[in-house]
C-alpha cells in the first residue's frame, strides 16, 4: 500500500479531502490507515479490503462501493507481481491471471464505481498503466498487451462515462514497497537494468525532499 496509491491518499488528505482506501487484505488497509493517521492526526480516512484477484471481483466491488457510497474521485493504482516469460510458455489461464487485477478489475471498477460518482466534470476516474505499453521488451508480451489495452479502455470510458472525466497515467518504474516480494538480487537486477536507460541514472523514488 505504501506506493503510488498511498502517495495519492497523502496528497488528497493534504487537500482536505475525505479519503477511503482499499487494498487486498484487511491487514494492509489497517496498516495504511494507521500510518496516515499518524502523519495526519486530523485526517478523515477510512478503508475496506477488496481482493481484485478473485473471480467474485464484480460483486466484491459492488459491496465495496456500497460501503463508500457517494464519492467525487476514483484513483486506481492496483497491481500484482508481474508474470513474465517467453510466448511459448503462456497459457489461456496465465493470460487471464495476468490481466485480472491490472485490466479486468480496472474496467469493472470504472463500471461499478461510476454509478457512485456525480455525473459532472467535477468527478473523475484516474487509471494507471505501465511503460511497457509503449516500450515493449522480451518476455513481457502478455503484460504489455494489457498495459497497452488500458489506453484503449481509457479513451472508450472517457466517451461512455462523460461528463465524468477519465484519465490514464503511466508513471514508469518507482522504488516502492510493490517490489518487496522480490529478492534483493531480483530487485537489484531490475533496478539496474531500468536505471541504465533513465536520464537520471536511477529509478524514481516515492517521496523526496528538496533543499535550496
N, C-alpha and C. Protein backbone atom coordinates (compact mmCIF):
# COMPACT_ATOMS: atom_id res chain seq x y z
N UNK A 1 0.83 -1.20 0.00
CA UNK A 1 0.00 0.00 0.00
C UNK A 1 0.86 1.26 0.00
N UNK A 2 2.12 1.16 0.52
CA UNK A 2 2.98 2.33 0.59
C UNK A 2 3.65 2.59 -0.75
N UNK A 3 2.83 2.85 -1.74
CA UNK A 3 3.33 3.12 -3.08
C UNK A 3 2.61 4.32 -3.64
N UNK A 4 2.29 4.26 -4.93
CA UNK A 4 1.62 5.38 -5.57
C UNK A 4 0.26 5.65 -4.93
N UNK A 5 -0.49 4.59 -4.65
CA UNK A 5 -1.80 4.76 -4.04
C UNK A 5 -1.73 5.47 -2.69
N UNK A 6 -0.73 5.11 -1.90
CA UNK A 6 -0.55 5.74 -0.60
C UNK A 6 -0.20 7.22 -0.76
N UNK A 7 0.65 7.51 -1.74
CA UNK A 7 1.02 8.90 -2.00
C UNK A 7 -0.19 9.71 -2.47
N UNK A 8 -1.06 9.09 -3.25
CA UNK A 8 -2.29 9.77 -3.68
C UNK A 8 -3.15 10.09 -2.46
N UNK A 9 -3.26 9.13 -1.54
CA UNK A 9 -4.03 9.35 -0.32
C UNK A 9 -3.44 10.51 0.48
N UNK A 10 -2.12 10.55 0.58
CA UNK A 10 -1.46 11.66 1.30
C UNK A 10 -1.80 13.00 0.65
N UNK A 11 -1.69 13.05 -0.68
CA UNK A 11 -1.97 14.29 -1.39
C UNK A 11 -3.41 14.74 -1.21
N UNK A 12 -4.32 13.76 -1.23
CA UNK A 12 -5.74 14.09 -1.07
C UNK A 12 -6.02 14.62 0.34
N UNK A 13 -5.40 14.00 1.33
CA UNK A 13 -5.58 14.45 2.71
C UNK A 13 -5.03 15.86 2.88
N UNK A 14 -3.88 16.13 2.27
CA UNK A 14 -3.28 17.46 2.36
C UNK A 14 -4.14 18.52 1.67
N UNK A 15 -5.06 18.06 0.82
CA UNK A 15 -6.00 18.98 0.16
C UNK A 15 -7.34 19.00 0.89
N UNK A 16 -7.32 18.46 2.12
CA UNK A 16 -8.51 18.45 2.99
C UNK A 16 -9.64 17.56 2.48
N UNK A 17 -9.30 16.52 1.75
CA UNK A 17 -10.32 15.60 1.24
C UNK A 17 -10.60 14.49 2.24
N UNK A 18 -11.80 13.98 2.18
CA UNK A 18 -12.15 12.78 2.93
C UNK A 18 -11.72 11.59 2.08
N UNK A 19 -10.91 10.69 2.65
CA UNK A 19 -10.27 9.64 1.87
C UNK A 19 -10.71 8.25 2.32
N UNK A 20 -10.98 7.40 1.34
CA UNK A 20 -11.23 5.98 1.59
C UNK A 20 -10.26 5.18 0.75
N UNK A 21 -9.53 4.29 1.39
CA UNK A 21 -8.55 3.47 0.68
C UNK A 21 -9.00 2.02 0.67
N UNK A 22 -8.45 1.26 -0.27
CA UNK A 22 -8.75 -0.17 -0.34
C UNK A 22 -7.51 -0.92 -0.79
N UNK A 23 -7.36 -2.13 -0.28
CA UNK A 23 -6.26 -3.00 -0.68
C UNK A 23 -6.74 -4.43 -0.58
N UNK A 24 -5.86 -5.38 -0.87
CA UNK A 24 -6.28 -6.77 -0.99
C UNK A 24 -6.58 -7.46 0.33
N UNK A 25 -6.10 -6.91 1.45
CA UNK A 25 -6.34 -7.56 2.74
C UNK A 25 -6.61 -6.52 3.82
N UNK A 26 -7.30 -6.94 4.87
CA UNK A 26 -7.63 -6.04 5.97
C UNK A 26 -6.37 -5.55 6.67
N UNK A 27 -5.36 -6.43 6.78
CA UNK A 27 -4.13 -6.04 7.46
C UNK A 27 -3.42 -4.91 6.72
N UNK A 28 -3.41 -4.96 5.39
CA UNK A 28 -2.78 -3.89 4.60
C UNK A 28 -3.55 -2.58 4.76
N UNK A 29 -4.87 -2.68 4.75
CA UNK A 29 -5.70 -1.48 4.89
C UNK A 29 -5.49 -0.85 6.26
N UNK A 30 -5.52 -1.68 7.30
CA UNK A 30 -5.36 -1.17 8.67
C UNK A 30 -4.00 -0.54 8.87
N UNK A 31 -2.96 -1.16 8.29
CA UNK A 31 -1.61 -0.62 8.41
C UNK A 31 -1.50 0.74 7.74
N UNK A 32 -2.08 0.86 6.55
CA UNK A 32 -2.02 2.13 5.81
C UNK A 32 -2.80 3.22 6.54
N UNK A 33 -3.97 2.87 7.07
CA UNK A 33 -4.77 3.86 7.79
C UNK A 33 -4.02 4.34 9.03
N UNK A 34 -3.41 3.41 9.76
CA UNK A 34 -2.66 3.78 10.96
C UNK A 34 -1.51 4.72 10.61
N UNK A 35 -0.83 4.43 9.51
CA UNK A 35 0.29 5.26 9.08
C UNK A 35 -0.19 6.65 8.67
N UNK A 36 -1.30 6.72 7.94
CA UNK A 36 -1.84 8.01 7.51
C UNK A 36 -2.31 8.84 8.70
N UNK A 37 -2.95 8.19 9.65
CA UNK A 37 -3.44 8.93 10.83
C UNK A 37 -2.28 9.39 11.71
N UNK A 38 -1.19 8.64 11.69
CA UNK A 38 -0.01 9.05 12.44
C UNK A 38 0.60 10.32 11.84
N UNK A 39 0.59 10.39 10.49
CA UNK A 39 1.14 11.56 9.81
C UNK A 39 0.15 12.72 9.77
N UNK A 40 -1.15 12.37 9.74
CA UNK A 40 -2.21 13.40 9.64
C UNK A 40 -3.28 13.10 10.69
N UNK A 41 -3.04 13.48 11.95
CA UNK A 41 -3.95 13.15 13.05
C UNK A 41 -5.39 13.59 12.85
N UNK A 42 -5.61 14.67 12.12
CA UNK A 42 -6.97 15.17 11.94
C UNK A 42 -7.62 14.67 10.66
N UNK A 43 -6.95 13.78 9.95
CA UNK A 43 -7.47 13.29 8.67
C UNK A 43 -8.74 12.46 8.83
N UNK A 44 -9.62 12.61 7.86
CA UNK A 44 -10.82 11.77 7.80
C UNK A 44 -10.50 10.66 6.80
N UNK A 45 -10.12 9.50 7.29
CA UNK A 45 -9.69 8.41 6.43
C UNK A 45 -10.30 7.09 6.89
N UNK A 46 -10.78 6.33 5.93
CA UNK A 46 -11.37 5.02 6.21
C UNK A 46 -10.83 4.03 5.18
N UNK A 47 -11.14 2.76 5.36
CA UNK A 47 -10.65 1.78 4.40
C UNK A 47 -11.40 0.47 4.47
N UNK A 48 -11.40 -0.25 3.36
CA UNK A 48 -12.07 -1.55 3.27
C UNK A 48 -11.25 -2.47 2.38
N UNK A 49 -11.19 -3.73 2.74
CA UNK A 49 -10.44 -4.70 1.94
C UNK A 49 -11.27 -5.13 0.74
N UNK A 50 -10.60 -5.35 -0.39
CA UNK A 50 -11.25 -5.88 -1.59
C UNK A 50 -10.17 -6.54 -2.44
N UNK A 51 -10.22 -7.85 -2.54
CA UNK A 51 -9.22 -8.60 -3.29
C UNK A 51 -9.62 -8.67 -4.75
N UNK A 52 -8.93 -7.92 -5.59
CA UNK A 52 -9.28 -7.84 -7.01
C UNK A 52 -8.86 -9.07 -7.80
N UNK A 53 -8.12 -9.97 -7.19
CA UNK A 53 -7.65 -11.16 -7.90
C UNK A 53 -8.67 -12.29 -7.91
N UNK A 54 -9.77 -12.13 -7.18
CA UNK A 54 -10.77 -13.18 -7.06
C UNK A 54 -11.78 -13.14 -8.20
N UNK A 55 -12.36 -14.29 -8.50
CA UNK A 55 -13.36 -14.36 -9.58
C UNK A 55 -14.64 -13.64 -9.21
N UNK A 56 -14.82 -13.35 -7.93
CA UNK A 56 -16.02 -12.64 -7.44
C UNK A 56 -15.80 -11.13 -7.43
N UNK A 57 -14.82 -10.67 -8.19
CA UNK A 57 -14.41 -9.27 -8.11
C UNK A 57 -15.55 -8.28 -8.35
N UNK A 58 -16.45 -8.57 -9.29
CA UNK A 58 -17.52 -7.60 -9.56
C UNK A 58 -18.46 -7.46 -8.38
N UNK A 59 -18.88 -8.56 -7.80
CA UNK A 59 -19.78 -8.48 -6.64
C UNK A 59 -19.04 -7.89 -5.44
N UNK A 60 -17.76 -8.18 -5.32
CA UNK A 60 -16.97 -7.62 -4.21
C UNK A 60 -16.84 -6.11 -4.37
N UNK A 61 -16.71 -5.63 -5.60
CA UNK A 61 -16.63 -4.20 -5.85
C UNK A 61 -17.96 -3.51 -5.54
N UNK A 62 -19.05 -4.16 -5.87
CA UNK A 62 -20.36 -3.60 -5.56
C UNK A 62 -20.52 -3.44 -4.04
N UNK A 63 -20.03 -4.43 -3.30
CA UNK A 63 -20.08 -4.36 -1.84
C UNK A 63 -19.18 -3.23 -1.32
N UNK A 64 -17.99 -3.11 -1.91
CA UNK A 64 -17.06 -2.07 -1.51
C UNK A 64 -17.64 -0.68 -1.73
N UNK A 65 -18.11 -0.41 -2.94
CA UNK A 65 -18.64 0.92 -3.23
C UNK A 65 -19.95 1.18 -2.49
N UNK A 66 -20.65 0.11 -2.13
CA UNK A 66 -21.86 0.27 -1.33
C UNK A 66 -21.54 0.80 0.06
N UNK A 67 -20.36 0.45 0.56
CA UNK A 67 -19.93 0.95 1.88
C UNK A 67 -19.48 2.40 1.78
N UNK A 68 -18.85 2.74 0.66
CA UNK A 68 -18.31 4.10 0.50
C UNK A 68 -19.40 5.08 0.08
N UNK A 69 -20.32 4.61 -0.76
CA UNK A 69 -21.44 5.40 -1.27
C UNK A 69 -20.98 6.57 -2.15
N UNK A 70 -21.42 7.79 -1.84
CA UNK A 70 -21.15 8.93 -2.72
C UNK A 70 -19.69 9.34 -2.67
N UNK A 71 -19.08 9.46 -3.83
CA UNK A 71 -17.67 9.84 -3.93
C UNK A 71 -17.48 10.85 -5.06
N UNK A 72 -16.33 11.52 -5.06
CA UNK A 72 -16.03 12.51 -6.09
C UNK A 72 -14.97 12.03 -7.07
N UNK A 73 -14.01 11.24 -6.57
CA UNK A 73 -12.91 10.80 -7.42
C UNK A 73 -12.51 9.36 -7.11
N UNK A 74 -12.13 8.64 -8.14
CA UNK A 74 -11.63 7.28 -8.00
C UNK A 74 -10.25 7.22 -8.63
N UNK A 75 -9.27 6.70 -7.89
CA UNK A 75 -7.92 6.53 -8.41
C UNK A 75 -7.56 5.06 -8.30
N UNK A 76 -7.23 4.45 -9.43
CA UNK A 76 -6.94 3.01 -9.46
C UNK A 76 -5.44 2.81 -9.68
N UNK A 77 -4.76 2.26 -8.67
CA UNK A 77 -3.32 2.01 -8.77
C UNK A 77 -3.00 0.54 -8.52
N UNK A 78 -4.02 -0.31 -8.47
CA UNK A 78 -3.82 -1.72 -8.12
C UNK A 78 -2.91 -2.44 -9.11
N UNK A 79 -2.09 -3.30 -8.57
CA UNK A 79 -1.21 -4.12 -9.40
C UNK A 79 -0.78 -5.34 -8.61
N UNK A 80 -0.25 -6.33 -9.29
CA UNK A 80 0.28 -7.50 -8.61
C UNK A 80 1.64 -7.83 -9.23
N UNK A 81 2.29 -8.84 -8.69
CA UNK A 81 3.62 -9.21 -9.18
C UNK A 81 3.54 -9.59 -10.65
N UNK A 82 4.30 -8.91 -11.51
CA UNK A 82 4.23 -9.18 -12.95
C UNK A 82 4.57 -10.62 -13.29
N UNK A 83 3.76 -11.22 -14.14
CA UNK A 83 4.05 -12.57 -14.63
C UNK A 83 4.65 -12.42 -16.02
N UNK A 84 5.90 -12.77 -16.15
CA UNK A 84 6.59 -12.60 -17.42
C UNK A 84 7.19 -13.93 -17.89
N UNK A 85 7.56 -13.97 -19.14
CA UNK A 85 8.17 -15.18 -19.70
C UNK A 85 7.95 -15.24 -21.19
N UNK A 86 8.64 -16.15 -21.87
CA UNK A 86 8.52 -16.27 -23.32
C UNK A 86 7.12 -16.69 -23.76
N UNK A 87 6.76 -16.29 -24.98
CA UNK A 87 5.44 -16.58 -25.51
C UNK A 87 5.11 -18.07 -25.51
N UNK A 88 6.11 -18.92 -25.78
CA UNK A 88 5.84 -20.36 -25.85
C UNK A 88 5.39 -20.96 -24.52
N UNK A 89 5.56 -20.21 -23.43
CA UNK A 89 5.17 -20.72 -22.11
C UNK A 89 3.81 -20.22 -21.65
N UNK A 90 3.19 -19.30 -22.37
CA UNK A 90 1.92 -18.76 -21.90
C UNK A 90 0.79 -19.76 -22.14
N UNK A 91 -0.25 -19.65 -21.31
CA UNK A 91 -1.43 -20.49 -21.42
C UNK A 91 -2.67 -19.60 -21.31
N UNK A 92 -3.80 -20.17 -21.62
CA UNK A 92 -5.07 -19.44 -21.51
C UNK A 92 -5.24 -18.91 -20.08
N UNK A 93 -4.99 -19.80 -19.10
CA UNK A 93 -5.15 -19.41 -17.70
C UNK A 93 -4.15 -18.33 -17.28
N UNK A 94 -2.91 -18.43 -17.77
CA UNK A 94 -1.91 -17.45 -17.37
C UNK A 94 -2.21 -16.08 -17.97
N UNK A 95 -2.80 -16.07 -19.17
CA UNK A 95 -3.19 -14.80 -19.79
C UNK A 95 -4.27 -14.12 -18.94
N UNK A 96 -5.29 -14.88 -18.55
CA UNK A 96 -6.36 -14.32 -17.74
C UNK A 96 -5.84 -13.84 -16.40
N UNK A 97 -4.95 -14.62 -15.79
CA UNK A 97 -4.40 -14.25 -14.48
C UNK A 97 -3.59 -12.96 -14.57
N UNK A 98 -2.85 -12.80 -15.66
CA UNK A 98 -2.04 -11.60 -15.83
C UNK A 98 -2.90 -10.34 -15.95
N UNK A 99 -4.05 -10.47 -16.59
CA UNK A 99 -4.91 -9.30 -16.80
C UNK A 99 -5.96 -9.08 -15.73
N UNK A 100 -6.10 -10.01 -14.80
CA UNK A 100 -7.16 -9.94 -13.80
C UNK A 100 -7.16 -8.63 -13.01
N UNK A 101 -6.06 -8.33 -12.36
CA UNK A 101 -6.00 -7.14 -11.49
C UNK A 101 -5.77 -5.87 -12.29
N UNK A 102 -4.87 -5.94 -13.26
CA UNK A 102 -4.43 -4.75 -13.96
C UNK A 102 -5.41 -4.27 -15.04
N UNK A 103 -6.22 -5.16 -15.59
CA UNK A 103 -7.09 -4.78 -16.70
C UNK A 103 -8.57 -5.06 -16.39
N UNK A 104 -8.89 -6.33 -16.13
CA UNK A 104 -10.29 -6.71 -15.90
C UNK A 104 -10.85 -5.97 -14.70
N UNK A 105 -10.13 -5.99 -13.58
CA UNK A 105 -10.62 -5.33 -12.37
C UNK A 105 -10.73 -3.82 -12.58
N UNK A 106 -9.78 -3.24 -13.31
CA UNK A 106 -9.82 -1.80 -13.56
C UNK A 106 -11.08 -1.41 -14.32
N UNK A 107 -11.44 -2.21 -15.32
CA UNK A 107 -12.64 -1.94 -16.11
C UNK A 107 -13.90 -2.08 -15.25
N UNK A 108 -13.91 -3.07 -14.38
CA UNK A 108 -15.07 -3.28 -13.50
C UNK A 108 -15.16 -2.18 -12.44
N UNK A 109 -14.01 -1.68 -11.99
CA UNK A 109 -14.03 -0.56 -11.05
C UNK A 109 -14.69 0.65 -11.69
N UNK A 110 -14.35 0.89 -12.96
CA UNK A 110 -14.97 2.01 -13.68
C UNK A 110 -16.47 1.79 -13.82
N UNK A 111 -16.87 0.56 -14.13
CA UNK A 111 -18.29 0.25 -14.30
C UNK A 111 -19.06 0.47 -13.00
N UNK A 112 -18.59 -0.18 -11.94
CA UNK A 112 -19.30 -0.13 -10.65
C UNK A 112 -19.13 1.24 -9.99
N UNK A 113 -17.90 1.74 -9.98
CA UNK A 113 -17.63 2.99 -9.28
C UNK A 113 -18.30 4.20 -9.90
N UNK A 114 -18.44 4.21 -11.22
CA UNK A 114 -19.05 5.36 -11.88
C UNK A 114 -20.49 5.60 -11.45
N UNK A 115 -21.15 4.55 -10.96
CA UNK A 115 -22.53 4.68 -10.51
C UNK A 115 -22.61 5.46 -9.20
N UNK A 116 -21.48 5.62 -8.53
CA UNK A 116 -21.45 6.33 -7.26
C UNK A 116 -20.84 7.72 -7.41
N UNK A 117 -20.50 8.10 -8.63
CA UNK A 117 -19.95 9.42 -8.90
C UNK A 117 -21.05 10.36 -9.41
N UNK A 118 -20.96 11.63 -9.07
CA UNK A 118 -21.89 12.60 -9.63
C UNK A 118 -21.61 12.73 -11.13
N UNK A 119 -22.65 12.81 -11.92
CA UNK A 119 -22.48 12.95 -13.37
C UNK A 119 -22.09 14.39 -13.69
N UNK A 120 -20.84 14.67 -13.46
CA UNK A 120 -20.34 16.03 -13.58
C UNK A 120 -18.86 16.00 -13.95
N UNK A 121 -18.38 17.02 -14.67
CA UNK A 121 -16.95 17.10 -14.97
C UNK A 121 -16.10 17.35 -13.72
N UNK A 122 -16.77 17.60 -12.59
CA UNK A 122 -16.05 17.74 -11.33
C UNK A 122 -15.70 16.37 -10.75
N UNK A 123 -16.27 15.31 -11.31
CA UNK A 123 -15.97 13.94 -10.88
C UNK A 123 -14.94 13.34 -11.82
N UNK A 124 -14.15 12.39 -11.31
CA UNK A 124 -13.13 11.80 -12.17
C UNK A 124 -12.77 10.37 -11.79
N UNK A 125 -12.25 9.66 -12.77
CA UNK A 125 -11.66 8.34 -12.58
C UNK A 125 -10.25 8.41 -13.17
N UNK A 126 -9.26 8.05 -12.38
CA UNK A 126 -7.88 8.04 -12.87
C UNK A 126 -7.36 6.61 -12.85
N UNK A 127 -6.98 6.13 -14.01
CA UNK A 127 -6.45 4.78 -14.16
C UNK A 127 -4.93 4.85 -14.31
N UNK A 128 -4.26 3.73 -14.10
CA UNK A 128 -2.81 3.69 -14.28
C UNK A 128 -2.42 2.50 -15.16
N UNK A 129 -1.31 2.65 -15.85
CA UNK A 129 -0.78 1.56 -16.67
C UNK A 129 0.74 1.58 -16.57
N UNK A 130 1.40 0.71 -17.35
CA UNK A 130 2.84 0.62 -17.27
C UNK A 130 3.53 1.11 -18.53
N UNK A 131 4.79 1.48 -18.39
CA UNK A 131 5.56 1.99 -19.53
C UNK A 131 5.82 0.93 -20.58
N UNK A 132 5.63 -0.36 -20.20
CA UNK A 132 5.83 -1.44 -21.17
C UNK A 132 4.81 -1.36 -22.30
N UNK A 133 3.73 -0.60 -22.10
CA UNK A 133 2.72 -0.41 -23.15
C UNK A 133 3.33 0.26 -24.37
N UNK A 134 4.29 1.14 -24.15
CA UNK A 134 4.92 1.89 -25.23
C UNK A 134 6.36 1.46 -25.48
N UNK A 135 6.95 0.79 -24.50
CA UNK A 135 8.34 0.34 -24.63
C UNK A 135 8.41 -1.16 -24.37
N UNK A 136 8.03 -1.98 -25.36
CA UNK A 136 8.00 -3.43 -25.16
C UNK A 136 9.37 -4.01 -24.91
N UNK A 137 9.38 -5.17 -24.22
CA UNK A 137 10.64 -5.87 -24.00
C UNK A 137 10.37 -7.37 -23.99
N UNK A 138 11.34 -8.19 -24.34
CA UNK A 138 11.16 -9.63 -24.42
C UNK A 138 10.62 -10.22 -23.12
N UNK A 139 9.66 -11.12 -23.26
CA UNK A 139 9.09 -11.78 -22.10
C UNK A 139 7.91 -11.06 -21.49
N UNK A 140 7.61 -9.88 -22.00
CA UNK A 140 6.53 -9.08 -21.43
C UNK A 140 5.36 -8.91 -22.40
N UNK A 141 5.21 -9.80 -23.36
CA UNK A 141 4.18 -9.64 -24.38
C UNK A 141 2.76 -9.64 -23.81
N UNK A 142 2.50 -10.53 -22.85
CA UNK A 142 1.15 -10.60 -22.28
C UNK A 142 0.86 -9.37 -21.43
N UNK A 143 1.76 -9.07 -20.51
CA UNK A 143 1.57 -7.91 -19.65
C UNK A 143 1.55 -6.63 -20.47
N UNK A 144 2.40 -6.55 -21.49
CA UNK A 144 2.43 -5.37 -22.35
C UNK A 144 1.14 -5.19 -23.12
N UNK A 145 0.51 -6.31 -23.48
CA UNK A 145 -0.77 -6.23 -24.20
C UNK A 145 -1.86 -5.61 -23.33
N UNK A 146 -1.91 -6.02 -22.08
CA UNK A 146 -2.90 -5.45 -21.17
C UNK A 146 -2.57 -4.00 -20.85
N UNK A 147 -1.28 -3.70 -20.70
CA UNK A 147 -0.87 -2.33 -20.42
C UNK A 147 -1.27 -1.41 -21.57
N UNK A 148 -1.03 -1.86 -22.80
CA UNK A 148 -1.42 -1.07 -23.97
C UNK A 148 -2.93 -0.97 -24.08
N UNK A 149 -3.62 -2.05 -23.70
CA UNK A 149 -5.07 -2.06 -23.75
C UNK A 149 -5.70 -1.02 -22.84
N UNK A 150 -4.99 -0.63 -21.78
CA UNK A 150 -5.51 0.40 -20.88
C UNK A 150 -5.69 1.73 -21.59
N UNK A 151 -4.86 1.99 -22.60
CA UNK A 151 -5.01 3.24 -23.36
C UNK A 151 -6.34 3.25 -24.12
N UNK A 152 -6.67 2.10 -24.72
CA UNK A 152 -7.95 2.00 -25.42
C UNK A 152 -9.11 2.05 -24.45
N UNK A 153 -8.96 1.41 -23.29
CA UNK A 153 -10.00 1.43 -22.27
C UNK A 153 -10.27 2.86 -21.83
N UNK A 154 -9.22 3.61 -21.61
CA UNK A 154 -9.35 4.98 -21.14
C UNK A 154 -10.14 5.84 -22.13
N UNK A 155 -9.80 5.71 -23.41
CA UNK A 155 -10.49 6.51 -24.42
C UNK A 155 -11.97 6.14 -24.52
N UNK A 156 -12.24 4.85 -24.45
CA UNK A 156 -13.63 4.41 -24.52
C UNK A 156 -14.45 4.86 -23.32
N UNK A 157 -13.87 4.72 -22.12
CA UNK A 157 -14.59 5.12 -20.91
C UNK A 157 -14.81 6.64 -20.87
N UNK A 158 -13.84 7.39 -21.37
CA UNK A 158 -13.98 8.84 -21.38
C UNK A 158 -15.21 9.28 -22.18
N UNK A 159 -15.50 8.53 -23.24
CA UNK A 159 -16.68 8.84 -24.06
C UNK A 159 -17.96 8.31 -23.41
N UNK A 160 -17.91 7.08 -22.93
CA UNK A 160 -19.11 6.45 -22.38
C UNK A 160 -19.57 7.06 -21.06
N UNK A 161 -18.62 7.51 -20.25
CA UNK A 161 -18.98 8.00 -18.92
C UNK A 161 -19.06 9.52 -18.84
N UNK A 162 -18.83 10.22 -19.94
CA UNK A 162 -18.89 11.68 -19.90
C UNK A 162 -20.22 12.17 -19.35
N UNK A 163 -20.26 13.24 -18.60
CA UNK A 163 -19.20 14.24 -18.44
C UNK A 163 -18.16 13.92 -17.37
N UNK A 164 -18.26 12.75 -16.73
CA UNK A 164 -17.21 12.35 -15.78
C UNK A 164 -15.88 12.27 -16.53
N UNK A 165 -14.83 12.81 -15.95
CA UNK A 165 -13.51 12.77 -16.58
C UNK A 165 -12.82 11.44 -16.31
N UNK A 166 -12.25 10.85 -17.33
CA UNK A 166 -11.50 9.60 -17.19
C UNK A 166 -10.11 9.81 -17.78
N UNK A 167 -9.09 9.61 -16.98
CA UNK A 167 -7.71 9.83 -17.41
C UNK A 167 -6.85 8.61 -17.11
N UNK A 168 -5.74 8.52 -17.82
CA UNK A 168 -4.81 7.41 -17.64
C UNK A 168 -3.41 7.96 -17.40
N UNK A 169 -2.73 7.43 -16.39
CA UNK A 169 -1.37 7.86 -16.06
C UNK A 169 -0.43 6.66 -16.19
N UNK A 170 0.71 6.89 -16.82
CA UNK A 170 1.74 5.85 -16.93
C UNK A 170 2.97 6.35 -16.18
N UNK A 171 3.09 6.04 -14.88
CA UNK A 171 4.13 6.64 -14.05
C UNK A 171 5.54 6.10 -14.27
N UNK A 172 5.67 4.94 -14.90
CA UNK A 172 7.00 4.38 -15.07
C UNK A 172 7.47 3.68 -13.80
N UNK A 173 8.68 3.16 -13.78
CA UNK A 173 9.18 2.39 -12.63
C UNK A 173 9.45 3.28 -11.42
N UNK A 174 9.02 2.79 -10.25
CA UNK A 174 9.21 3.51 -8.99
C UNK A 174 9.74 2.56 -7.93
N UNK A 175 10.57 3.07 -7.06
CA UNK A 175 11.10 2.30 -5.95
C UNK A 175 10.12 2.38 -4.79
N UNK A 176 9.20 1.42 -4.72
CA UNK A 176 8.19 1.40 -3.66
C UNK A 176 8.10 0.00 -3.08
N UNK A 177 7.19 -0.18 -2.13
CA UNK A 177 7.01 -1.49 -1.49
C UNK A 177 6.39 -2.52 -2.43
N UNK A 178 6.01 -2.09 -3.63
CA UNK A 178 5.48 -3.02 -4.62
C UNK A 178 6.48 -4.15 -4.88
N UNK A 179 7.78 -3.83 -4.78
CA UNK A 179 8.83 -4.80 -5.10
C UNK A 179 9.30 -5.60 -3.89
N UNK A 180 8.62 -5.47 -2.74
CA UNK A 180 9.10 -6.09 -1.52
C UNK A 180 9.10 -7.62 -1.56
N UNK A 181 8.29 -8.21 -2.44
CA UNK A 181 8.23 -9.67 -2.53
C UNK A 181 9.35 -10.25 -3.38
N UNK A 182 10.13 -9.37 -3.98
CA UNK A 182 11.26 -9.81 -4.78
C UNK A 182 12.49 -9.94 -3.89
N UNK A 183 13.39 -10.83 -4.25
CA UNK A 183 14.65 -10.97 -3.51
C UNK A 183 15.52 -9.75 -3.78
N UNK A 184 16.53 -9.55 -2.94
CA UNK A 184 17.45 -8.42 -3.12
C UNK A 184 18.13 -8.49 -4.49
N UNK A 185 18.47 -9.70 -4.90
CA UNK A 185 19.14 -9.88 -6.20
C UNK A 185 18.21 -9.52 -7.35
N UNK A 186 16.93 -9.94 -7.23
CA UNK A 186 15.96 -9.63 -8.28
C UNK A 186 15.74 -8.13 -8.39
N UNK A 187 15.57 -7.46 -7.24
CA UNK A 187 15.36 -6.02 -7.25
C UNK A 187 16.57 -5.29 -7.83
N UNK A 188 17.76 -5.73 -7.44
CA UNK A 188 18.97 -5.09 -7.93
C UNK A 188 19.07 -5.21 -9.45
N UNK A 189 18.74 -6.40 -9.96
CA UNK A 189 18.80 -6.63 -11.41
C UNK A 189 17.78 -5.76 -12.15
N UNK A 190 16.58 -5.67 -11.59
CA UNK A 190 15.52 -4.86 -12.21
C UNK A 190 15.88 -3.38 -12.16
N UNK A 191 16.27 -2.92 -10.97
CA UNK A 191 16.60 -1.50 -10.79
C UNK A 191 17.76 -1.08 -11.68
N UNK A 192 18.81 -1.93 -11.73
CA UNK A 192 19.98 -1.59 -12.52
C UNK A 192 19.65 -1.53 -14.00
N UNK A 193 18.90 -2.52 -14.48
CA UNK A 193 18.54 -2.57 -15.89
C UNK A 193 17.72 -1.37 -16.31
N UNK A 194 16.80 -0.95 -15.44
CA UNK A 194 15.94 0.19 -15.75
C UNK A 194 16.72 1.49 -15.62
N UNK A 195 17.51 1.60 -14.55
CA UNK A 195 18.25 2.83 -14.28
C UNK A 195 19.20 3.19 -15.42
N UNK A 196 19.77 2.18 -16.06
CA UNK A 196 20.71 2.44 -17.16
C UNK A 196 20.06 3.17 -18.32
N UNK A 197 18.73 3.05 -18.43
CA UNK A 197 18.02 3.68 -19.54
C UNK A 197 17.39 5.02 -19.16
N UNK A 198 17.53 5.41 -17.88
CA UNK A 198 16.92 6.65 -17.41
C UNK A 198 17.91 7.80 -17.47
N UNK A 199 17.46 8.99 -17.87
CA UNK A 199 18.35 10.16 -17.91
C UNK A 199 18.99 10.45 -16.56
N UNK A 200 18.27 10.15 -15.47
CA UNK A 200 18.78 10.43 -14.13
C UNK A 200 19.75 9.36 -13.63
N UNK A 201 19.75 8.20 -14.31
CA UNK A 201 20.61 7.11 -13.88
C UNK A 201 20.06 6.32 -12.71
N UNK A 202 18.82 6.56 -12.35
CA UNK A 202 18.18 5.81 -11.26
C UNK A 202 16.66 5.82 -11.48
N UNK A 203 15.97 4.89 -10.84
CA UNK A 203 14.52 4.89 -10.94
C UNK A 203 13.95 5.88 -9.92
N UNK A 204 12.71 6.27 -10.12
CA UNK A 204 12.11 7.31 -9.28
C UNK A 204 11.85 6.81 -7.86
N UNK A 205 11.86 7.75 -6.93
CA UNK A 205 11.54 7.46 -5.54
C UNK A 205 10.12 7.93 -5.26
N UNK A 206 9.44 7.28 -4.29
CA UNK A 206 8.08 7.65 -3.97
C UNK A 206 8.00 9.04 -3.35
N UNK A 207 9.00 9.39 -2.55
CA UNK A 207 8.96 10.69 -1.89
C UNK A 207 10.39 11.18 -1.69
N UNK A 208 10.58 12.45 -1.88
CA UNK A 208 11.91 13.01 -1.67
C UNK A 208 11.78 14.43 -1.12
N UNK A 209 12.88 14.94 -0.62
CA UNK A 209 12.88 16.27 -0.02
C UNK A 209 13.78 17.19 -0.84
N UNK A 210 13.27 18.36 -1.16
CA UNK A 210 14.06 19.34 -1.91
C UNK A 210 14.72 20.32 -0.95
N UNK A 211 15.97 20.66 -1.21
CA UNK A 211 16.66 21.67 -0.41
C UNK A 211 17.24 22.72 -1.35
N UNK A 212 17.20 23.95 -0.93
CA UNK A 212 17.70 25.04 -1.77
C UNK A 212 18.75 25.84 -1.01
